N, C-alpha and C. Protein backbone atom coordinates (compact mmCIF):
# COMPACT_ATOMS: atom_id res chain seq x y z
N MET A 1 -30.13 53.20 53.53
CA MET A 1 -29.71 52.76 54.86
C MET A 1 -28.33 53.31 55.20
N ASN A 2 -28.16 53.71 56.44
CA ASN A 2 -26.88 54.21 56.90
C ASN A 2 -26.03 53.08 57.44
N GLU A 3 -24.73 53.27 57.38
CA GLU A 3 -23.83 52.29 57.96
C GLU A 3 -23.98 52.29 59.47
N LEU A 4 -23.89 51.13 60.09
CA LEU A 4 -24.12 51.00 61.52
C LEU A 4 -22.82 50.92 62.30
N PRO A 5 -22.74 51.61 63.44
CA PRO A 5 -21.63 51.38 64.36
C PRO A 5 -21.68 49.95 64.88
N LYS A 6 -20.58 49.50 65.45
CA LYS A 6 -20.43 48.11 65.85
C LYS A 6 -21.52 47.64 66.79
N MET A 7 -21.83 48.41 67.84
CA MET A 7 -22.81 47.96 68.83
C MET A 7 -24.21 47.98 68.26
N GLN A 8 -24.53 48.98 67.45
CA GLN A 8 -25.85 48.98 66.82
C GLN A 8 -26.02 47.78 65.90
N ARG A 9 -24.95 47.44 65.19
CA ARG A 9 -25.01 46.27 64.32
C ARG A 9 -25.25 44.99 65.13
N LYS A 10 -24.58 44.89 66.29
CA LYS A 10 -24.76 43.72 67.14
C LYS A 10 -26.20 43.61 67.62
N VAL A 11 -26.77 44.74 68.08
CA VAL A 11 -28.15 44.74 68.54
C VAL A 11 -29.08 44.33 67.40
N TYR A 12 -28.88 44.90 66.23
CA TYR A 12 -29.74 44.60 65.09
C TYR A 12 -29.65 43.14 64.66
N GLU A 13 -28.42 42.61 64.58
CA GLU A 13 -28.25 41.22 64.15
C GLU A 13 -28.86 40.26 65.16
N ARG A 14 -28.66 40.54 66.46
CA ARG A 14 -29.24 39.67 67.49
C ARG A 14 -30.76 39.76 67.48
N LEU A 15 -31.29 40.93 67.19
CA LEU A 15 -32.73 41.09 67.09
C LEU A 15 -33.28 40.27 65.92
N CYS A 16 -32.59 40.32 64.78
CA CYS A 16 -33.01 39.52 63.63
C CYS A 16 -32.96 38.03 63.94
N GLU A 17 -31.91 37.59 64.62
CA GLU A 17 -31.77 36.18 65.00
C GLU A 17 -32.91 35.76 65.92
N TYR A 18 -33.23 36.60 66.89
CA TYR A 18 -34.30 36.28 67.84
C TYR A 18 -35.63 36.17 67.11
N LYS A 19 -35.90 37.14 66.21
CA LYS A 19 -37.18 37.13 65.49
C LYS A 19 -37.28 35.91 64.59
N GLU A 20 -36.20 35.52 63.94
CA GLU A 20 -36.23 34.35 63.07
C GLU A 20 -36.44 33.07 63.88
N ARG A 21 -35.84 33.04 65.08
CA ARG A 21 -35.92 31.84 65.90
C ARG A 21 -37.27 31.69 66.59
N THR A 22 -37.87 32.80 67.02
CA THR A 22 -39.08 32.73 67.84
C THR A 22 -40.33 33.25 67.15
N GLY A 23 -40.14 34.06 66.10
CA GLY A 23 -41.28 34.65 65.42
C GLY A 23 -41.83 35.89 66.09
N ARG A 24 -41.15 36.39 67.11
CA ARG A 24 -41.62 37.59 67.82
C ARG A 24 -40.43 38.43 68.26
N SER A 25 -40.72 39.62 68.76
CA SER A 25 -39.67 40.49 69.28
C SER A 25 -39.39 40.17 70.74
N PRO A 26 -38.17 40.39 71.22
CA PRO A 26 -37.82 40.03 72.60
C PRO A 26 -38.36 41.03 73.61
N GLU A 27 -38.46 40.60 74.86
CA GLU A 27 -38.76 41.50 75.96
C GLU A 27 -37.50 42.29 76.25
N LEU A 28 -37.58 43.61 76.32
CA LEU A 28 -36.40 44.45 76.28
C LEU A 28 -35.46 44.25 77.45
N SER A 29 -35.97 44.09 78.66
CA SER A 29 -35.08 43.92 79.81
C SER A 29 -34.29 42.63 79.71
N VAL A 30 -34.93 41.57 79.24
CA VAL A 30 -34.23 40.30 79.04
C VAL A 30 -33.22 40.42 77.91
N PHE A 31 -33.62 41.09 76.84
CA PHE A 31 -32.74 41.29 75.69
C PHE A 31 -31.50 42.08 76.10
N ALA A 32 -31.67 43.09 76.93
CA ALA A 32 -30.52 43.88 77.41
C ALA A 32 -29.56 43.01 78.20
N ARG A 33 -30.08 42.15 79.06
CA ARG A 33 -29.21 41.25 79.84
C ARG A 33 -28.48 40.28 78.93
N ASP A 34 -29.16 39.77 77.91
CA ASP A 34 -28.52 38.85 76.98
C ASP A 34 -27.37 39.53 76.23
N LEU A 35 -27.52 40.81 75.96
CA LEU A 35 -26.47 41.57 75.26
C LEU A 35 -25.42 42.11 76.21
N ASN A 36 -25.68 41.97 77.50
CA ASN A 36 -24.76 42.46 78.54
C ASN A 36 -24.59 43.97 78.46
N ILE A 37 -25.71 44.66 78.25
CA ILE A 37 -25.69 46.12 78.25
C ILE A 37 -26.83 46.62 79.13
N HIS A 38 -26.78 47.88 79.54
CA HIS A 38 -27.82 48.48 80.36
C HIS A 38 -29.09 48.68 79.53
N TYR A 39 -30.24 48.60 80.20
CA TYR A 39 -31.52 48.77 79.53
C TYR A 39 -31.60 50.12 78.82
N VAL A 40 -31.11 51.17 79.48
CA VAL A 40 -31.15 52.51 78.87
C VAL A 40 -30.30 52.55 77.61
N SER A 41 -29.12 51.90 77.65
CA SER A 41 -28.27 51.85 76.46
C SER A 41 -28.95 51.11 75.32
N LEU A 42 -29.64 50.02 75.64
CA LEU A 42 -30.37 49.28 74.61
C LEU A 42 -31.42 50.17 73.96
N ARG A 43 -32.16 50.90 74.76
CA ARG A 43 -33.18 51.80 74.19
C ARG A 43 -32.54 52.83 73.27
N GLN A 44 -31.39 53.36 73.66
CA GLN A 44 -30.71 54.36 72.82
C GLN A 44 -30.30 53.75 71.48
N HIS A 45 -29.79 52.52 71.52
CA HIS A 45 -29.41 51.85 70.27
C HIS A 45 -30.64 51.59 69.39
N LEU A 46 -31.74 51.17 70.01
CA LEU A 46 -32.95 50.90 69.25
C LEU A 46 -33.54 52.18 68.67
N GLU A 47 -33.45 53.28 69.42
CA GLU A 47 -33.92 54.57 68.89
C GLU A 47 -33.09 54.98 67.68
N ALA A 48 -31.76 54.75 67.74
CA ALA A 48 -30.90 55.06 66.61
C ALA A 48 -31.24 54.18 65.41
N LEU A 49 -31.49 52.90 65.66
CA LEU A 49 -31.87 51.99 64.58
C LEU A 49 -33.21 52.38 63.97
N HIS A 50 -34.11 52.88 64.80
CA HIS A 50 -35.41 53.35 64.30
C HIS A 50 -35.21 54.55 63.38
N ARG A 51 -34.37 55.51 63.78
CA ARG A 51 -34.13 56.69 62.96
C ARG A 51 -33.52 56.31 61.60
N LYS A 52 -32.71 55.24 61.58
CA LYS A 52 -32.05 54.82 60.35
C LYS A 52 -32.90 53.87 59.51
N GLY A 53 -34.06 53.49 60.04
CA GLY A 53 -34.97 52.68 59.26
C GLY A 53 -34.81 51.18 59.40
N TYR A 54 -33.99 50.73 60.35
CA TYR A 54 -33.77 49.30 60.51
C TYR A 54 -34.87 48.61 61.31
N VAL A 55 -35.44 49.33 62.28
CA VAL A 55 -36.48 48.76 63.13
C VAL A 55 -37.58 49.79 63.31
N ILE A 56 -38.71 49.32 63.81
CA ILE A 56 -39.78 50.20 64.27
C ILE A 56 -39.74 50.18 65.80
N PHE A 57 -39.45 51.30 66.41
CA PHE A 57 -39.34 51.39 67.86
C PHE A 57 -40.04 52.66 68.31
N GLU A 58 -41.20 52.48 68.97
CA GLU A 58 -42.03 53.62 69.35
C GLU A 58 -42.50 53.48 70.79
N SER A 59 -42.48 54.58 71.51
CA SER A 59 -42.97 54.60 72.88
C SER A 59 -44.49 54.51 72.88
N ARG A 60 -45.05 53.79 73.87
CA ARG A 60 -46.50 53.66 73.99
C ARG A 60 -47.04 54.39 75.22
N GLY A 61 -46.18 55.16 75.83
CA GLY A 61 -46.64 55.91 76.99
C GLY A 61 -46.28 55.24 78.30
N ARG A 62 -46.51 55.96 79.39
CA ARG A 62 -46.15 55.50 80.72
C ARG A 62 -46.81 54.16 81.06
N GLY A 63 -45.99 53.23 81.57
CA GLY A 63 -46.50 51.95 82.03
C GLY A 63 -46.68 50.91 80.95
N GLN A 64 -46.39 51.24 79.71
CA GLN A 64 -46.52 50.28 78.62
C GLN A 64 -45.18 50.03 77.95
N SER A 65 -44.97 48.80 77.53
CA SER A 65 -43.73 48.46 76.84
C SER A 65 -43.70 49.13 75.47
N PRO A 66 -42.52 49.59 75.03
CA PRO A 66 -42.42 50.20 73.70
C PRO A 66 -42.78 49.20 72.61
N ARG A 67 -43.20 49.71 71.47
CA ARG A 67 -43.45 48.87 70.30
C ARG A 67 -42.12 48.64 69.59
N LEU A 68 -41.75 47.37 69.42
CA LEU A 68 -40.51 47.01 68.73
C LEU A 68 -40.83 45.99 67.66
N GLU A 69 -40.58 46.36 66.42
CA GLU A 69 -40.86 45.45 65.30
C GLU A 69 -39.76 45.57 64.26
N LEU A 70 -39.56 44.48 63.54
CA LEU A 70 -38.70 44.49 62.37
C LEU A 70 -39.58 44.63 61.14
N PRO A 71 -39.19 45.48 60.18
CA PRO A 71 -39.95 45.52 58.93
C PRO A 71 -40.06 44.11 58.34
N ALA A 72 -41.18 43.82 57.70
CA ALA A 72 -41.42 42.47 57.18
C ALA A 72 -40.31 42.01 56.27
N ARG A 73 -39.69 42.93 55.54
CA ARG A 73 -38.67 42.52 54.57
C ARG A 73 -37.32 42.25 55.23
N ALA A 74 -37.17 42.60 56.51
CA ALA A 74 -35.89 42.42 57.19
C ALA A 74 -35.76 41.00 57.71
N THR A 75 -35.92 40.03 56.86
CA THR A 75 -35.78 38.63 57.22
C THR A 75 -34.95 37.94 56.14
N GLY A 76 -34.46 36.76 56.48
CA GLY A 76 -33.64 36.02 55.53
C GLY A 76 -32.17 36.24 55.78
N VAL A 77 -31.37 36.04 54.75
CA VAL A 77 -29.92 36.17 54.86
C VAL A 77 -29.53 37.62 54.57
N PRO A 78 -28.91 38.33 55.53
CA PRO A 78 -28.54 39.72 55.27
C PRO A 78 -27.39 39.84 54.29
N VAL A 79 -27.51 40.74 53.32
CA VAL A 79 -26.40 41.09 52.43
C VAL A 79 -25.70 42.28 53.07
N LEU A 80 -24.52 42.04 53.63
CA LEU A 80 -23.88 43.02 54.49
C LEU A 80 -23.05 44.05 53.75
N GLY A 81 -22.87 43.91 52.45
CA GLY A 81 -22.08 44.88 51.71
C GLY A 81 -21.24 44.17 50.68
N SER A 82 -20.04 44.68 50.45
CA SER A 82 -19.18 44.10 49.42
C SER A 82 -17.89 43.58 50.02
N ILE A 83 -17.30 42.62 49.31
CA ILE A 83 -16.02 42.06 49.72
C ILE A 83 -15.11 42.03 48.50
N PRO A 84 -13.88 42.52 48.62
CA PRO A 84 -12.98 42.49 47.46
C PRO A 84 -12.51 41.08 47.15
N ALA A 85 -12.55 40.72 45.88
CA ALA A 85 -11.90 39.51 45.41
C ALA A 85 -10.70 39.98 44.60
N GLY A 86 -9.76 40.54 45.26
CA GLY A 86 -8.59 41.13 44.64
C GLY A 86 -7.59 41.44 45.73
N PRO A 87 -6.80 42.51 45.60
CA PRO A 87 -5.87 42.88 46.66
C PRO A 87 -6.60 43.13 47.97
N LEU A 88 -5.91 42.98 49.09
CA LEU A 88 -6.53 43.21 50.38
C LEU A 88 -6.95 44.67 50.48
N SER A 89 -8.19 44.91 50.84
CA SER A 89 -8.68 46.27 51.06
C SER A 89 -9.88 46.20 51.99
N GLU A 90 -10.25 47.35 52.51
CA GLU A 90 -11.32 47.38 53.51
C GLU A 90 -12.67 47.14 52.86
N ALA A 91 -13.40 46.16 53.37
CA ALA A 91 -14.72 45.85 52.83
C ALA A 91 -15.77 46.76 53.45
N LEU A 92 -16.86 46.98 52.70
CA LEU A 92 -17.99 47.71 53.24
C LEU A 92 -18.76 46.78 54.16
N ALA A 93 -19.30 47.35 55.23
CA ALA A 93 -20.10 46.57 56.17
C ALA A 93 -21.49 47.17 56.32
N GLU A 94 -22.03 47.73 55.24
CA GLU A 94 -23.34 48.35 55.28
C GLU A 94 -24.37 47.40 54.69
N PRO A 95 -25.37 46.98 55.46
CA PRO A 95 -26.38 46.08 54.92
C PRO A 95 -27.08 46.69 53.71
N GLU A 96 -27.24 45.90 52.67
CA GLU A 96 -27.90 46.35 51.45
C GLU A 96 -29.30 45.79 51.32
N GLY A 97 -29.55 44.63 51.90
CA GLY A 97 -30.84 43.98 51.76
C GLY A 97 -30.79 42.58 52.31
N PHE A 98 -31.72 41.74 51.85
CA PHE A 98 -31.83 40.38 52.38
C PHE A 98 -32.15 39.41 51.26
N LEU A 99 -31.52 38.24 51.33
CA LEU A 99 -31.90 37.14 50.46
C LEU A 99 -32.99 36.36 51.18
N PRO A 100 -34.17 36.18 50.57
CA PRO A 100 -35.29 35.54 51.25
C PRO A 100 -35.10 34.03 51.37
N LEU A 101 -34.17 33.64 52.22
CA LEU A 101 -33.88 32.23 52.48
C LEU A 101 -34.18 31.94 53.95
N THR A 102 -34.70 30.78 54.24
CA THR A 102 -35.06 30.43 55.60
C THR A 102 -33.98 29.57 56.25
N GLY A 103 -34.07 29.44 57.57
CA GLY A 103 -33.12 28.62 58.31
C GLY A 103 -31.71 29.12 58.21
N ALA A 104 -31.55 30.46 58.20
CA ALA A 104 -30.25 31.05 57.88
C ALA A 104 -29.71 31.93 58.99
N ARG A 105 -29.97 31.56 60.25
CA ARG A 105 -29.59 32.43 61.37
C ARG A 105 -28.09 32.63 61.45
N GLN A 106 -27.30 31.65 61.04
CA GLN A 106 -25.84 31.75 61.11
C GLN A 106 -25.23 32.00 59.74
N GLN A 107 -25.99 32.61 58.85
CA GLN A 107 -25.49 32.87 57.50
C GLN A 107 -25.56 34.35 57.16
N PHE A 108 -24.72 34.77 56.23
CA PHE A 108 -24.76 36.13 55.71
C PHE A 108 -24.25 36.09 54.28
N ALA A 109 -24.44 37.18 53.57
CA ALA A 109 -24.02 37.25 52.17
C ALA A 109 -23.24 38.53 51.92
N LEU A 110 -22.34 38.48 50.94
CA LEU A 110 -21.55 39.63 50.54
C LEU A 110 -21.51 39.70 49.01
N ARG A 111 -21.51 40.92 48.52
CA ARG A 111 -21.40 41.13 47.08
C ARG A 111 -19.91 41.21 46.71
N VAL A 112 -19.50 40.47 45.68
CA VAL A 112 -18.08 40.39 45.30
C VAL A 112 -17.71 41.55 44.39
N SER A 113 -16.55 42.14 44.68
CA SER A 113 -15.98 43.19 43.84
C SER A 113 -14.56 42.79 43.47
N GLY A 114 -14.32 42.51 42.21
CA GLY A 114 -12.98 42.10 41.78
C GLY A 114 -12.99 40.73 41.14
N ASP A 115 -11.83 40.31 40.63
CA ASP A 115 -11.77 39.08 39.84
C ASP A 115 -10.68 38.11 40.29
N SER A 116 -10.18 38.25 41.52
CA SER A 116 -9.10 37.35 41.93
C SER A 116 -9.59 35.91 42.12
N MET A 117 -10.92 35.72 42.26
CA MET A 117 -11.46 34.36 42.38
C MET A 117 -12.12 33.90 41.08
N ALA A 118 -12.01 34.69 40.02
CA ALA A 118 -12.57 34.29 38.72
C ALA A 118 -11.72 33.15 38.13
N ASP A 119 -12.34 32.27 37.32
CA ASP A 119 -13.72 32.40 36.89
C ASP A 119 -14.71 31.66 37.79
N LEU A 120 -14.21 31.16 38.91
CA LEU A 120 -15.07 30.43 39.85
C LEU A 120 -16.10 31.37 40.46
N ILE A 121 -15.65 32.51 40.98
CA ILE A 121 -16.52 33.53 41.56
C ILE A 121 -16.23 34.83 40.82
N GLN A 122 -17.27 35.43 40.27
CA GLN A 122 -17.07 36.58 39.38
C GLN A 122 -17.50 37.88 40.03
N ASP A 123 -16.97 38.97 39.49
CA ASP A 123 -17.33 40.30 39.95
C ASP A 123 -18.84 40.49 39.86
N GLY A 124 -19.46 40.95 40.95
CA GLY A 124 -20.90 41.15 40.98
C GLY A 124 -21.70 40.01 41.56
N ASP A 125 -21.10 38.83 41.71
CA ASP A 125 -21.79 37.71 42.35
C ASP A 125 -22.11 38.05 43.80
N ILE A 126 -23.19 37.48 44.31
CA ILE A 126 -23.48 37.53 45.73
C ILE A 126 -23.13 36.17 46.31
N VAL A 127 -22.22 36.16 47.29
CA VAL A 127 -21.71 34.92 47.86
C VAL A 127 -22.31 34.71 49.24
N LEU A 128 -22.77 33.50 49.48
CA LEU A 128 -23.37 33.12 50.75
C LEU A 128 -22.33 32.45 51.63
N PHE A 129 -22.28 32.84 52.91
CA PHE A 129 -21.32 32.31 53.87
C PHE A 129 -22.04 31.80 55.11
N ARG A 130 -21.42 30.84 55.79
CA ARG A 130 -21.85 30.49 57.15
C ARG A 130 -20.83 31.05 58.13
N LYS A 131 -21.32 31.53 59.24
CA LYS A 131 -20.42 32.03 60.27
C LYS A 131 -19.69 30.85 60.91
N GLY A 132 -18.41 31.02 61.17
CA GLY A 132 -17.63 29.96 61.79
C GLY A 132 -16.31 29.74 61.08
N MET A 133 -15.63 28.69 61.50
CA MET A 133 -14.30 28.38 60.99
C MET A 133 -14.36 27.28 59.93
N PRO A 134 -13.40 27.26 58.99
CA PRO A 134 -13.35 26.16 58.02
C PRO A 134 -13.01 24.86 58.71
N THR A 135 -13.49 23.77 58.14
CA THR A 135 -13.23 22.45 58.72
C THR A 135 -12.01 21.77 58.12
N ARG A 136 -11.48 22.36 57.04
CA ARG A 136 -10.31 21.77 56.41
C ARG A 136 -9.54 22.85 55.66
N SER A 137 -8.30 22.59 55.35
CA SER A 137 -7.48 23.51 54.57
C SER A 137 -8.00 23.57 53.14
N GLY A 138 -7.94 24.76 52.54
CA GLY A 138 -8.32 24.91 51.15
C GLY A 138 -9.74 25.38 50.91
N GLU A 139 -10.48 25.69 51.97
CA GLU A 139 -11.84 26.19 51.78
C GLU A 139 -11.80 27.69 51.43
N ILE A 140 -12.82 28.14 50.71
CA ILE A 140 -12.95 29.56 50.39
C ILE A 140 -13.59 30.27 51.58
N CYS A 141 -12.98 31.38 52.00
CA CYS A 141 -13.47 32.08 53.18
C CYS A 141 -13.47 33.59 52.96
N ALA A 142 -14.32 34.27 53.71
CA ALA A 142 -14.22 35.72 53.87
C ALA A 142 -13.26 35.95 55.02
N VAL A 143 -12.13 36.57 54.71
CA VAL A 143 -11.02 36.66 55.66
C VAL A 143 -10.74 38.12 55.98
N ARG A 144 -10.66 38.42 57.26
CA ARG A 144 -10.22 39.75 57.70
C ARG A 144 -8.79 39.64 58.17
N VAL A 145 -7.95 40.50 57.65
CA VAL A 145 -6.53 40.52 58.03
C VAL A 145 -6.28 41.78 58.86
N GLY A 146 -5.80 41.58 60.07
CA GLY A 146 -5.59 42.72 60.96
C GLY A 146 -6.92 43.25 61.46
N ASN A 147 -7.03 44.56 61.54
CA ASN A 147 -8.22 45.17 62.11
C ASN A 147 -9.34 45.41 61.12
N SER A 148 -9.01 45.61 59.84
CA SER A 148 -10.08 46.03 58.94
C SER A 148 -10.01 45.46 57.54
N GLU A 149 -8.91 44.91 57.13
CA GLU A 149 -8.79 44.46 55.75
C GLU A 149 -9.50 43.12 55.54
N VAL A 150 -10.31 43.05 54.50
CA VAL A 150 -11.10 41.85 54.22
C VAL A 150 -10.88 41.43 52.79
N THR A 151 -10.85 40.11 52.56
CA THR A 151 -10.69 39.59 51.21
C THR A 151 -11.37 38.23 51.11
N LEU A 152 -11.55 37.77 49.89
CA LEU A 152 -12.16 36.48 49.61
C LEU A 152 -11.11 35.60 48.95
N LYS A 153 -10.72 34.52 49.61
CA LYS A 153 -9.64 33.67 49.11
C LYS A 153 -9.80 32.24 49.62
N TYR A 154 -9.05 31.31 48.97
CA TYR A 154 -8.83 30.00 49.57
C TYR A 154 -7.93 30.20 50.79
N VAL A 155 -8.23 29.49 51.85
CA VAL A 155 -7.41 29.57 53.07
C VAL A 155 -6.67 28.25 53.24
N ASP A 156 -5.34 28.28 53.09
CA ASP A 156 -4.51 27.08 53.21
C ASP A 156 -3.71 27.15 54.50
N HIS A 157 -3.70 26.05 55.24
CA HIS A 157 -2.92 25.96 56.47
C HIS A 157 -1.75 25.01 56.23
N HIS A 158 -0.56 25.57 56.10
CA HIS A 158 0.62 24.76 55.84
C HIS A 158 1.46 24.54 57.11
N GLU A 159 1.41 25.51 57.99
CA GLU A 159 2.16 25.40 59.23
C GLU A 159 1.43 26.22 60.29
N PRO A 160 1.66 25.93 61.57
CA PRO A 160 0.86 26.55 62.63
C PRO A 160 0.93 28.07 62.67
N GLN A 161 2.06 28.66 62.31
CA GLN A 161 2.22 30.10 62.46
C GLN A 161 1.82 30.91 61.23
N THR A 162 1.52 30.25 60.11
CA THR A 162 1.27 30.96 58.85
C THR A 162 0.01 30.45 58.16
N VAL A 163 -0.76 31.39 57.63
CA VAL A 163 -1.92 31.06 56.81
C VAL A 163 -1.69 31.63 55.41
N THR A 164 -1.94 30.82 54.39
CA THR A 164 -1.76 31.26 53.01
C THR A 164 -3.12 31.59 52.41
N LEU A 165 -3.24 32.80 51.86
CA LEU A 165 -4.45 33.24 51.19
C LEU A 165 -4.22 33.14 49.69
N ARG A 166 -4.96 32.22 49.06
CA ARG A 166 -4.67 31.84 47.68
C ARG A 166 -5.83 32.23 46.76
N PRO A 167 -5.56 32.96 45.68
CA PRO A 167 -6.62 33.32 44.73
C PRO A 167 -6.92 32.15 43.78
N HIS A 168 -8.05 32.21 43.11
CA HIS A 168 -8.35 31.23 42.06
C HIS A 168 -7.76 31.68 40.73
N ASN A 169 -7.72 33.00 40.55
CA ASN A 169 -7.18 33.59 39.32
C ASN A 169 -5.65 33.62 39.41
N PRO A 170 -4.93 32.91 38.51
CA PRO A 170 -3.47 32.84 38.60
C PRO A 170 -2.77 34.17 38.36
N GLN A 171 -3.50 35.18 37.92
CA GLN A 171 -2.89 36.49 37.70
C GLN A 171 -2.64 37.23 39.02
N TYR A 172 -3.21 36.72 40.09
CA TYR A 172 -3.04 37.36 41.39
C TYR A 172 -2.06 36.55 42.24
N PRO A 173 -1.31 37.21 43.12
CA PRO A 173 -0.33 36.49 43.93
C PRO A 173 -0.97 35.78 45.12
N THR A 174 -0.33 34.72 45.56
CA THR A 174 -0.66 34.07 46.82
C THR A 174 0.07 34.80 47.94
N VAL A 175 -0.63 35.04 49.06
CA VAL A 175 -0.07 35.83 50.15
C VAL A 175 -0.01 34.99 51.42
N ALA A 176 1.15 34.98 52.05
CA ALA A 176 1.31 34.30 53.34
C ALA A 176 1.19 35.34 54.45
N VAL A 177 0.34 35.05 55.43
CA VAL A 177 0.04 36.00 56.50
C VAL A 177 0.23 35.30 57.84
N PRO A 178 0.80 35.98 58.85
CA PRO A 178 0.89 35.37 60.18
C PRO A 178 -0.49 34.96 60.68
N ALA A 179 -0.58 33.77 61.23
CA ALA A 179 -1.87 33.24 61.67
C ALA A 179 -2.55 34.13 62.69
N THR A 180 -1.78 34.84 63.50
CA THR A 180 -2.36 35.70 64.52
C THR A 180 -3.09 36.90 63.94
N GLU A 181 -2.85 37.23 62.66
CA GLU A 181 -3.48 38.39 62.03
C GLU A 181 -4.71 38.00 61.20
N VAL A 182 -4.97 36.69 61.09
CA VAL A 182 -6.05 36.22 60.24
C VAL A 182 -7.30 35.91 61.07
N HIS A 183 -8.42 36.48 60.64
CA HIS A 183 -9.71 36.22 61.30
C HIS A 183 -10.71 35.77 60.24
N ILE A 184 -11.26 34.58 60.40
CA ILE A 184 -12.22 34.05 59.45
C ILE A 184 -13.60 34.59 59.78
N GLU A 185 -14.17 35.39 58.87
CA GLU A 185 -15.50 35.94 59.09
C GLU A 185 -16.59 34.96 58.67
N GLY A 186 -16.30 34.12 57.67
CA GLY A 186 -17.30 33.17 57.21
C GLY A 186 -16.72 32.22 56.19
N VAL A 187 -17.38 31.07 56.02
CA VAL A 187 -16.95 30.03 55.10
C VAL A 187 -17.96 29.94 53.94
N TYR A 188 -17.43 29.85 52.74
CA TYR A 188 -18.23 29.85 51.52
C TYR A 188 -19.24 28.69 51.49
N LEU A 189 -20.49 29.03 51.13
CA LEU A 189 -21.54 28.02 50.96
C LEU A 189 -22.02 27.93 49.51
N GLY A 190 -22.06 29.05 48.82
CA GLY A 190 -22.57 29.06 47.45
C GLY A 190 -22.69 30.49 46.98
N LEU A 191 -23.27 30.68 45.78
CA LEU A 191 -23.39 32.02 45.24
C LEU A 191 -24.66 32.19 44.43
N VAL A 192 -25.01 33.46 44.22
CA VAL A 192 -26.13 33.84 43.36
C VAL A 192 -25.56 34.72 42.27
N ARG A 193 -25.97 34.49 41.02
CA ARG A 193 -25.35 35.19 39.89
C ARG A 193 -26.41 35.59 38.86
N GLY A 194 -26.15 36.71 38.20
CA GLY A 194 -26.96 37.11 37.05
C GLY A 194 -28.41 37.36 37.37
N GLU A 195 -29.30 36.78 36.56
CA GLU A 195 -30.73 37.01 36.71
C GLU A 195 -31.26 36.50 38.04
N LEU A 196 -30.59 35.52 38.63
CA LEU A 196 -31.05 35.00 39.91
C LEU A 196 -30.97 36.07 41.00
N ILE A 197 -30.01 36.99 40.88
CA ILE A 197 -29.90 38.05 41.86
C ILE A 197 -31.16 38.90 41.85
N GLY A 198 -31.64 39.24 40.66
CA GLY A 198 -32.86 40.03 40.57
C GLY A 198 -34.07 39.29 41.11
N ALA A 199 -34.05 37.96 41.01
CA ALA A 199 -35.19 37.18 41.48
C ALA A 199 -35.18 37.03 42.99
N LEU A 200 -33.99 37.00 43.60
CA LEU A 200 -33.90 36.73 45.03
C LEU A 200 -33.63 37.95 45.89
N TYR A 201 -32.92 38.92 45.33
CA TYR A 201 -32.41 40.03 46.15
C TYR A 201 -33.50 41.04 46.45
N GLU A 202 -33.71 41.32 47.72
CA GLU A 202 -34.70 42.30 48.14
C GLU A 202 -33.96 43.53 48.66
N ALA A 203 -33.92 44.59 47.88
CA ALA A 203 -33.23 45.80 48.30
C ALA A 203 -34.01 46.48 49.41
N LEU A 204 -33.29 47.08 50.35
CA LEU A 204 -33.95 47.82 51.42
C LEU A 204 -34.42 49.18 50.90
């Protein structure tokens, strides 16, 4: 699978959400309005997703709606790539596969690289997140700092202007970051480790 540009990723994720919620593919003109993009632009994005293997999108000829389908395996919780559990660095955002879990429209998973959260979360673990903000200080989150840097840390709120990113491993430093630069991508729900990964993980 190829890495997706931002808009293609949005179209793909919304398509997955719609299919999980309704059990069918959306009507394209309505889907384009929901995404706030032109119908022609939507078709171009879907054609690109088809070429990359994310969807099945085929013309049926004049007067007929195109065929739009998600491969059967493209369901469940998407594993979007890797997240560093160490120094701040740019995370991969390339989908690797899906965890076959249901009721997971607002969830995603990331593969951990590094040991700053060890021994609680170890290198190679797949961590499950819910989209949204933490409800209290001290929760583990997937955090983006600035435009592209992502890390996995405890998020502590000590004062309105500063957020502290705290590792579990005492060998790593705690970092204070201006609150305006911190974006919470997801809040920790649990993890999959070892042999369980082979049992649950469906590679694309």
